[in-house]
PDB file of N, CA and C in Angstrom:
ATOM      1  N   MET A   1     -10.311  10.053  61.919  1.00  0.00           N
ATOM      2  CA  MET A   1      -9.458   8.947  61.495  1.00  0.00           C
ATOM      3  C   MET A   1     -10.013   8.743  59.995  1.00  0.00           C
ATOM      4  N   GLU A   2      -9.104   8.626  59.086  1.00  0.00           N
ATOM      5  CA  GLU A   2      -9.445   8.401  57.651  1.00  0.00           C
ATOM      6  C   GLU A   2      -9.746   7.013  57.387  1.00  0.00           C
ATOM      7  N   PRO A   3     -10.808   6.626  56.464  1.00  0.00           N
ATOM      8  CA  PRO A   3     -11.150   5.320  56.297  1.00  0.00           C
ATOM      9  C   PRO A   3     -10.084   4.675  55.479  1.00  0.00           C
ATOM     10  N   LYS A   4      -9.810   3.339  55.697  1.00  0.00           N
ATOM     11  CA  LYS A   4      -8.818   2.548  55.053  1.00  0.00           C
ATOM     12  C   LYS A   4      -9.226   2.320  53.662  1.00  0.00           C
ATOM     13  N   LYS A   5      -8.393   2.470  52.619  1.00  0.00           N
ATOM     14  CA  LYS A   5      -8.900   2.251  51.306  1.00  0.00           C
ATOM     15  C   LYS A   5      -8.275   0.875  50.838  1.00  0.00           C
ATOM     16  N   ASP A   6      -9.227   0.257  50.063  1.00  0.00           N
ATOM     17  CA  ASP A   6      -9.010  -1.124  49.510  1.00  0.00           C
ATOM     18  C   ASP A   6      -8.929  -0.967  48.083  1.00  0.00           C
ATOM     19  N   ILE A   7      -7.776  -0.687  47.636  1.00  0.00           N
ATOM     20  CA  ILE A   7      -7.433  -0.376  46.159  1.00  0.00           C
ATOM     21  C   ILE A   7      -7.938  -1.418  45.315  1.00  0.00           C
ATOM     22  N   VAL A   8      -7.724  -2.736  45.659  1.00  0.00           N
ATOM     23  CA  VAL A   8      -7.981  -3.845  44.899  1.00  0.00           C
ATOM     24  C   VAL A   8      -9.394  -4.060  44.698  1.00  0.00           C
ATOM     25  N   LYS A   9     -10.230  -3.897  45.901  1.00  0.00           N
ATOM     26  CA  LYS A   9     -11.648  -3.926  45.923  1.00  0.00           C
ATOM     27  C   LYS A   9     -12.258  -2.953  44.999  1.00  0.00           C
ATOM     28  N   ALA A  10     -11.747  -1.583  45.170  1.00  0.00           N
ATOM     29  CA  ALA A  10     -12.260  -0.651  44.242  1.00  0.00           C
ATOM     30  C   ALA A  10     -12.140  -0.911  42.851  1.00  0.00           C
ATOM     31  N   TYR A  11     -10.958  -1.489  42.449  1.00  0.00           N
ATOM     32  CA  TYR A  11     -10.615  -1.780  41.071  1.00  0.00           C
ATOM     33  C   TYR A  11     -11.650  -2.797  40.533  1.00  0.00           C
ATOM     34  N   LYS A  12     -11.892  -3.784  41.340  1.00  0.00           N
ATOM     35  CA  LYS A  12     -12.881  -4.769  40.922  1.00  0.00           C
ATOM     36  C   LYS A  12     -14.250  -4.286  40.790  1.00  0.00           C
ATOM     37  N   PHE A  13     -14.658  -3.234  41.560  1.00  0.00           N
ATOM     38  CA  PHE A  13     -15.956  -2.637  41.408  1.00  0.00           C
ATOM     39  C   PHE A  13     -15.949  -1.679  40.226  1.00  0.00           C
ATOM     40  N   LEU A  14     -15.011  -0.923  40.049  1.00  0.00           N
ATOM     41  CA  LEU A  14     -14.841  -0.205  38.897  1.00  0.00           C
ATOM     42  C   LEU A  14     -14.819  -1.010  37.451  1.00  0.00           C
ATOM     43  N   ASN A  15     -14.141  -2.295  37.502  1.00  0.00           N
ATOM     44  CA  ASN A  15     -14.374  -3.123  36.405  1.00  0.00           C
ATOM     45  C   ASN A  15     -15.769  -3.534  36.166  1.00  0.00           C
ATOM     46  N   LYS A  16     -16.567  -3.938  37.129  1.00  0.00           N
ATOM     47  CA  LYS A  16     -17.963  -4.226  37.039  1.00  0.00           C
ATOM     48  C   LYS A  16     -18.601  -2.894  36.411  1.00  0.00           C
ATOM     49  N   SER A  17     -18.386  -1.867  36.907  1.00  0.00           N
ATOM     50  CA  SER A  17     -19.193  -0.629  36.609  1.00  0.00           C
ATOM     51  C   SER A  17     -18.851  -0.365  34.975  1.00  0.00           C
ATOM     52  N   VAL A  18     -17.762  -0.586  34.564  1.00  0.00           N
ATOM     53  CA  VAL A  18     -17.376  -0.407  33.159  1.00  0.00           C
ATOM     54  C   VAL A  18     -18.206  -1.214  32.273  1.00  0.00           C
ATOM     55  N   ILE A  19     -18.248  -2.623  32.746  1.00  0.00           N
ATOM     56  CA  ILE A  19     -18.912  -3.641  32.129  1.00  0.00           C
ATOM     57  C   ILE A  19     -20.550  -3.188  31.895  1.00  0.00           C
ATOM     58  N   LEU A  20     -20.951  -2.610  32.910  1.00  0.00           N
ATOM     59  CA  LEU A  20     -22.282  -2.270  33.128  1.00  0.00           C
ATOM     60  C   LEU A  20     -22.590  -0.913  32.425  1.00  0.00           C
ATOM     61  N   GLY A  21     -21.593  -0.190  32.099  1.00  0.00           N
ATOM     62  CA  GLY A  21     -21.685   1.135  31.303  1.00  0.00           C
ATOM     63  C   GLY A  21     -21.853   2.374  32.401  1.00  0.00           C
ATOM     64  N   VAL A  22     -21.646   2.070  33.707  1.00  0.00           N
ATOM     65  CA  VAL A  22     -21.845   3.025  34.596  1.00  0.00           C
ATOM     66  C   VAL A  22     -20.523   3.971  34.666  1.00  0.00           C
ATOM     67  N   THR A  23     -19.411   3.463  34.518  1.00  0.00           N
ATOM     68  CA  THR A  23     -18.149   4.075  34.642  1.00  0.00           C
ATOM     69  C   THR A  23     -17.568   4.094  33.283  1.00  0.00           C
ATOM     70  N   ASN A  24     -16.859   5.173  32.969  1.00  0.00           N
ATOM     71  CA  ASN A  24     -16.209   5.305  31.593  1.00  0.00           C
ATOM     72  C   ASN A  24     -14.621   4.633  31.651  1.00  0.00           C
ATOM     73  N   PHE A  25     -14.283   4.373  30.557  1.00  0.00           N
ATOM     74  CA  PHE A  25     -12.900   3.890  30.461  1.00  0.00           C
ATOM     75  C   PHE A  25     -11.866   4.803  30.851  1.00  0.00           C
ATOM     76  N   ASP A  26     -11.971   6.119  30.639  1.00  0.00           N
ATOM     77  CA  ASP A  26     -10.933   6.981  31.181  1.00  0.00           C
ATOM     78  C   ASP A  26     -10.753   7.126  32.540  1.00  0.00           C
ATOM     79  N   GLN A  27     -11.920   6.917  33.379  1.00  0.00           N
ATOM     80  CA  GLN A  27     -12.021   6.968  34.848  1.00  0.00           C
ATOM     81  C   GLN A  27     -11.135   5.723  35.257  1.00  0.00           C
ATOM     82  N   MET A  28     -11.434   4.462  34.606  1.00  0.00           N
ATOM     83  CA  MET A  28     -10.661   3.283  34.958  1.00  0.00           C
ATOM     84  C   MET A  28      -9.155   3.363  34.711  1.00  0.00           C
ATOM     85  N   LYS A  29      -8.962   3.814  33.421  1.00  0.00           N
ATOM     86  CA  LYS A  29      -7.587   4.010  33.021  1.00  0.00           C
ATOM     87  C   LYS A  29      -6.774   4.769  34.031  1.00  0.00           C
ATOM     88  N   LYS A  30      -7.334   5.888  34.488  1.00  0.00           N
ATOM     89  CA  LYS A  30      -6.755   6.863  35.360  1.00  0.00           C
ATOM     90  C   LYS A  30      -6.441   6.140  36.672  1.00  0.00           C
ATOM     91  N   PHE A  31      -7.506   5.423  37.284  1.00  0.00           N
ATOM     92  CA  PHE A  31      -7.485   4.725  38.501  1.00  0.00           C
ATOM     93  C   PHE A  31      -6.381   3.685  38.327  1.00  0.00           C
ATOM     94  N   PHE A  32      -6.333   2.939  37.500  1.00  0.00           N
ATOM     95  CA  PHE A  32      -5.139   1.887  37.309  1.00  0.00           C
ATOM     96  C   PHE A  32      -3.831   2.607  37.233  1.00  0.00           C
ATOM     97  N   SER A  33      -3.744   3.664  36.489  1.00  0.00           N
ATOM     98  CA  SER A  33      -2.414   4.318  36.438  1.00  0.00           C
ATOM     99  C   SER A  33      -1.989   4.896  37.785  1.00  0.00           C
ATOM    100  N   ASP A  34      -2.892   5.651  38.412  1.00  0.00           N
ATOM    101  CA  ASP A  34      -2.631   6.109  39.725  1.00  0.00           C
ATOM    102  C   ASP A  34      -2.241   5.222  40.762  1.00  0.00           C
ATOM    103  N   ASN A  35      -2.778   3.908  40.565  1.00  0.00           N
ATOM    104  CA  ASN A  35      -2.630   2.902  41.689  1.00  0.00           C
ATOM    105  C   ASN A  35      -1.868   1.700  41.133  1.00  0.00           C
ATOM    106  N   TYR A  36      -1.025   2.003  40.071  1.00  0.00           N
ATOM    107  CA  TYR A  36      -0.241   1.074  39.375  1.00  0.00           C
ATOM    108  C   TYR A  36       0.473   0.024  40.246  1.00  0.00           C
ATOM    109  N   ASP A  37       1.122   0.423  41.183  1.00  0.00           N
ATOM    110  CA  ASP A  37       1.913  -0.337  41.961  1.00  0.00           C
ATOM    111  C   ASP A  37       1.103  -1.452  42.778  1.00  0.00           C
ATOM    112  N   VAL A  38       0.004  -1.170  43.173  1.00  0.00           N
ATOM    113  CA  VAL A  38      -0.814  -2.160  43.810  1.00  0.00           C
ATOM    114  C   VAL A  38      -1.832  -2.966  42.687  1.00  0.00           C
ATOM    115  N   LEU A  39      -2.104  -2.297  41.590  1.00  0.00           N
ATOM    116  CA  LEU A  39      -2.982  -3.031  40.666  1.00  0.00           C
ATOM    117  C   LEU A  39      -2.310  -3.826  39.518  1.00  0.00           C
ATOM    118  N   ALA A  40      -1.189  -3.513  39.228  1.00  0.00           N
ATOM    119  CA  ALA A  40      -0.537  -4.241  38.159  1.00  0.00           C
ATOM    120  C   ALA A  40      -0.313  -5.660  38.335  1.00  0.00           C
ATOM    121  N   PRO A  41       0.124  -6.126  39.716  1.00  0.00           N
ATOM    122  CA  PRO A  41       0.035  -7.528  40.027  1.00  0.00           C
ATOM    123  C   PRO A  41      -1.215  -8.241  39.865  1.00  0.00           C
ATOM    124  N   VAL A  42      -2.292  -7.403  40.327  1.00  0.00           N
ATOM    125  CA  VAL A  42      -3.706  -7.989  40.321  1.00  0.00           C
ATOM    126  C   VAL A  42      -3.969  -8.275  38.881  1.00  0.00           C
ATOM    127  N   PHE A  43      -3.874  -7.165  37.925  1.00  0.00           N
ATOM    128  CA  PHE A  43      -4.291  -7.262  36.616  1.00  0.00           C
ATOM    129  C   PHE A  43      -3.453  -8.317  36.045  1.00  0.00           C
ATOM    130  N   SER A  44      -2.185  -8.433  36.214  1.00  0.00           N
ATOM    131  CA  SER A  44      -1.239  -9.525  35.540  1.00  0.00           C
ATOM    132  C   SER A  44      -1.708 -10.766  35.961  1.00  0.00           C
ATOM    133  N   ASP A  45      -2.233 -11.071  37.119  1.00  0.00           N
ATOM    134  CA  ASP A  45      -2.598 -12.227  37.630  1.00  0.00           C
ATOM    135  C   ASP A  45      -3.697 -12.835  36.847  1.00  0.00           C
ATOM    136  N   PHE A  46      -4.561 -11.992  36.460  1.00  0.00           N
ATOM    137  CA  PHE A  46      -5.805 -12.500  35.654  1.00  0.00           C
ATOM    138  C   PHE A  46      -5.695 -12.405  34.130  1.00  0.00           C
ATOM    139  N   ARG A  47      -4.806 -11.484  33.597  1.00  0.00           N
ATOM    140  CA  ARG A  47      -4.667 -11.357  32.126  1.00  0.00           C
ATOM    141  C   ARG A  47      -3.469 -12.110  31.626  1.00  0.00           C
ATOM    142  N   LYS A  48      -2.496 -12.614  32.556  1.00  0.00           N
ATOM    143  CA  LYS A  48      -1.392 -13.418  32.221  1.00  0.00           C
ATOM    144  C   LYS A  48      -0.628 -12.912  30.989  1.00  0.00           C
ATOM    145  N   PRO A  49      -0.014 -11.689  31.117  1.00  0.00           N
ATOM    146  CA  PRO A  49       0.630 -11.139  29.954  1.00  0.00           C
ATOM    147  C   PRO A  49       1.901 -11.968  29.546  1.00  0.00           C
ATOM    148  N   PRO A  50       2.270 -11.791  28.306  1.00  0.00           N
ATOM    149  CA  PRO A  50       3.570 -12.557  27.990  1.00  0.00           C
ATOM    150  C   PRO A  50       4.799 -12.201  28.856  1.00  0.00           C
ATOM    151  N   SER A  51       5.595 -13.106  28.984  1.00  0.00           N
ATOM    152  CA  SER A  51       6.752 -12.997  30.042  1.00  0.00           C
ATOM    153  C   SER A  51       7.716 -11.642  29.649  1.00  0.00           C
ATOM    154  N   GLU A  52       7.610 -11.412  28.195  1.00  0.00           N
ATOM    155  CA  GLU A  52       8.488 -10.282  27.801  1.00  0.00           C
ATOM    156  C   GLU A  52       7.962  -9.021  28.206  1.00  0.00           C
ATOM    157  N   MET A  53       6.581  -9.014  28.517  1.00  0.00           N
ATOM    158  CA  MET A  53       5.859  -7.721  28.956  1.00  0.00           C
ATOM    159  C   MET A  53       6.276  -7.256  30.395  1.00  0.00           C
ATOM    160  N   THR A  54       7.255  -6.421  30.581  1.00  0.00           N
ATOM    161  CA  THR A  54       7.663  -6.247  31.939  1.00  0.00           C
ATOM    162  C   THR A  54       7.610  -4.750  32.334  1.00  0.00           C
ATOM    163  N   THR A  55       7.592  -3.856  31.278  1.00  0.00           N
ATOM    164  CA  THR A  55       7.683  -2.438  31.584  1.00  0.00           C
ATOM    165  C   THR A  55       6.183  -1.870  31.947  1.00  0.00           C
ATOM    166  N   ARG A  56       6.240  -0.837  32.684  1.00  0.00           N
ATOM    167  CA  ARG A  56       4.945  -0.131  33.136  1.00  0.00           C
ATOM    168  C   ARG A  56       4.176   0.260  31.942  1.00  0.00           C
ATOM    169  N   LYS A  57       4.797   0.796  30.833  1.00  0.00           N
ATOM    170  CA  LYS A  57       4.083   1.210  29.724  1.00  0.00           C
ATOM    171  C   LYS A  57       3.459   0.037  28.954  1.00  0.00           C
ATOM    172  N   GLU A  58       4.131  -1.066  28.905  1.00  0.00           N
ATOM    173  CA  GLU A  58       3.597  -2.308  28.277  1.00  0.00           C
ATOM    174  C   GLU A  58       2.385  -2.799  28.977  1.00  0.00           C
ATOM    175  N   ILE A  59       2.459  -2.878  30.324  1.00  0.00           N
ATOM    176  CA  ILE A  59       1.409  -3.287  31.148  1.00  0.00           C
ATOM    177  C   ILE A  59       0.140  -2.428  30.935  1.00  0.00           C
ATOM    178  N   GLU A  60       0.443  -1.169  31.138  1.00  0.00           N
ATOM    179  CA  GLU A  60      -0.618  -0.028  30.929  1.00  0.00           C
ATOM    180  C   GLU A  60      -1.258  -0.185  29.504  1.00  0.00           C
ATOM    181  N   ASN A  61      -0.405  -0.581  28.490  1.00  0.00           N
ATOM    182  CA  ASN A  61      -0.940  -0.724  26.966  1.00  0.00           C
ATOM    183  C   ASN A  61      -1.916  -1.782  27.064  1.00  0.00           C
ATOM    184  N   LEU A  62      -1.521  -2.926  27.749  1.00  0.00           N
ATOM    185  CA  LEU A  62      -2.170  -4.231  27.806  1.00  0.00           C
ATOM    186  C   LEU A  62      -3.607  -3.920  28.597  1.00  0.00           C
ATOM    187  N   HIS A  63      -3.536  -3.145  29.562  1.00  0.00           N
ATOM    188  CA  HIS A  63      -4.759  -2.778  30.458  1.00  0.00           C
ATOM    189  C   HIS A  63      -5.673  -1.928  29.429  1.00  0.00           C
ATOM    190  N   ASP A  64      -5.127  -0.882  28.623  1.00  0.00           N
ATOM    191  CA  ASP A  64      -5.979  -0.239  27.860  1.00  0.00           C
ATOM    192  C   ASP A  64      -6.585  -1.070  26.759  1.00  0.00           C
ATOM    193  N   ALA A  65      -5.973  -2.063  26.353  1.00  0.00           N
ATOM    194  CA  ALA A  65      -6.510  -2.872  25.229  1.00  0.00           C
ATOM    195  C   ALA A  65      -7.640  -3.810  25.920  1.00  0.00           C
ATOM    196  N   TYR A  66      -7.342  -4.187  27.122  1.00  0.00           N
ATOM    197  CA  TYR A  66      -8.469  -4.926  27.875  1.00  0.00           C
ATOM    198  C   TYR A  66      -9.663  -4.145  27.952  1.00  0.00           C
ATOM    199  N   LEU A  67      -9.520  -2.825  28.330  1.00  0.00           N
ATOM    200  CA  LEU A  67     -10.692  -1.942  28.431  1.00  0.00           C
ATOM    201  C   LEU A  67     -11.339  -1.808  27.270  1.00  0.00           C
ATOM    202  N   ASN A  68     -10.589  -1.725  26.156  1.00  0.00           N
ATOM    203  CA  ASN A  68     -11.387  -1.583  24.791  1.00  0.00           C
ATOM    204  C   ASN A  68     -12.068  -2.792  24.317  1.00  0.00           C
ATOM    205  N   GLU A  69     -11.749  -3.959  25.017  1.00  0.00           N
ATOM    206  CA  GLU A  69     -12.452  -5.235  24.738  1.00  0.00           C
ATOM    207  C   GLU A  69     -13.742  -5.172  25.422  1.00  0.00           C
ATOM    208  N   LEU A  70     -13.925  -4.430  26.537  1.00  0.00           N
ATOM    209  CA  LEU A  70     -15.173  -4.441  27.288  1.00  0.00           C
ATOM    210  C   LEU A  70     -16.149  -3.617  26.482  1.00  0.00           C
TER     211      LEU A  70
END
């Protein structure tokens, strides 16, 4: 039996590891993109993007900008 994956929990740990310098931005960017459907609402909930930002590309660009701020 394969272990159940908690994508949101993994994303939060990745975020912490980027801040600590353990994980690089490319890994986090790929993880976000690969799990976009699950993580976009989580990311949008804490970043509160402008209401006109609705496309996947816009949200991914906002996520990239967030990573660059770290």
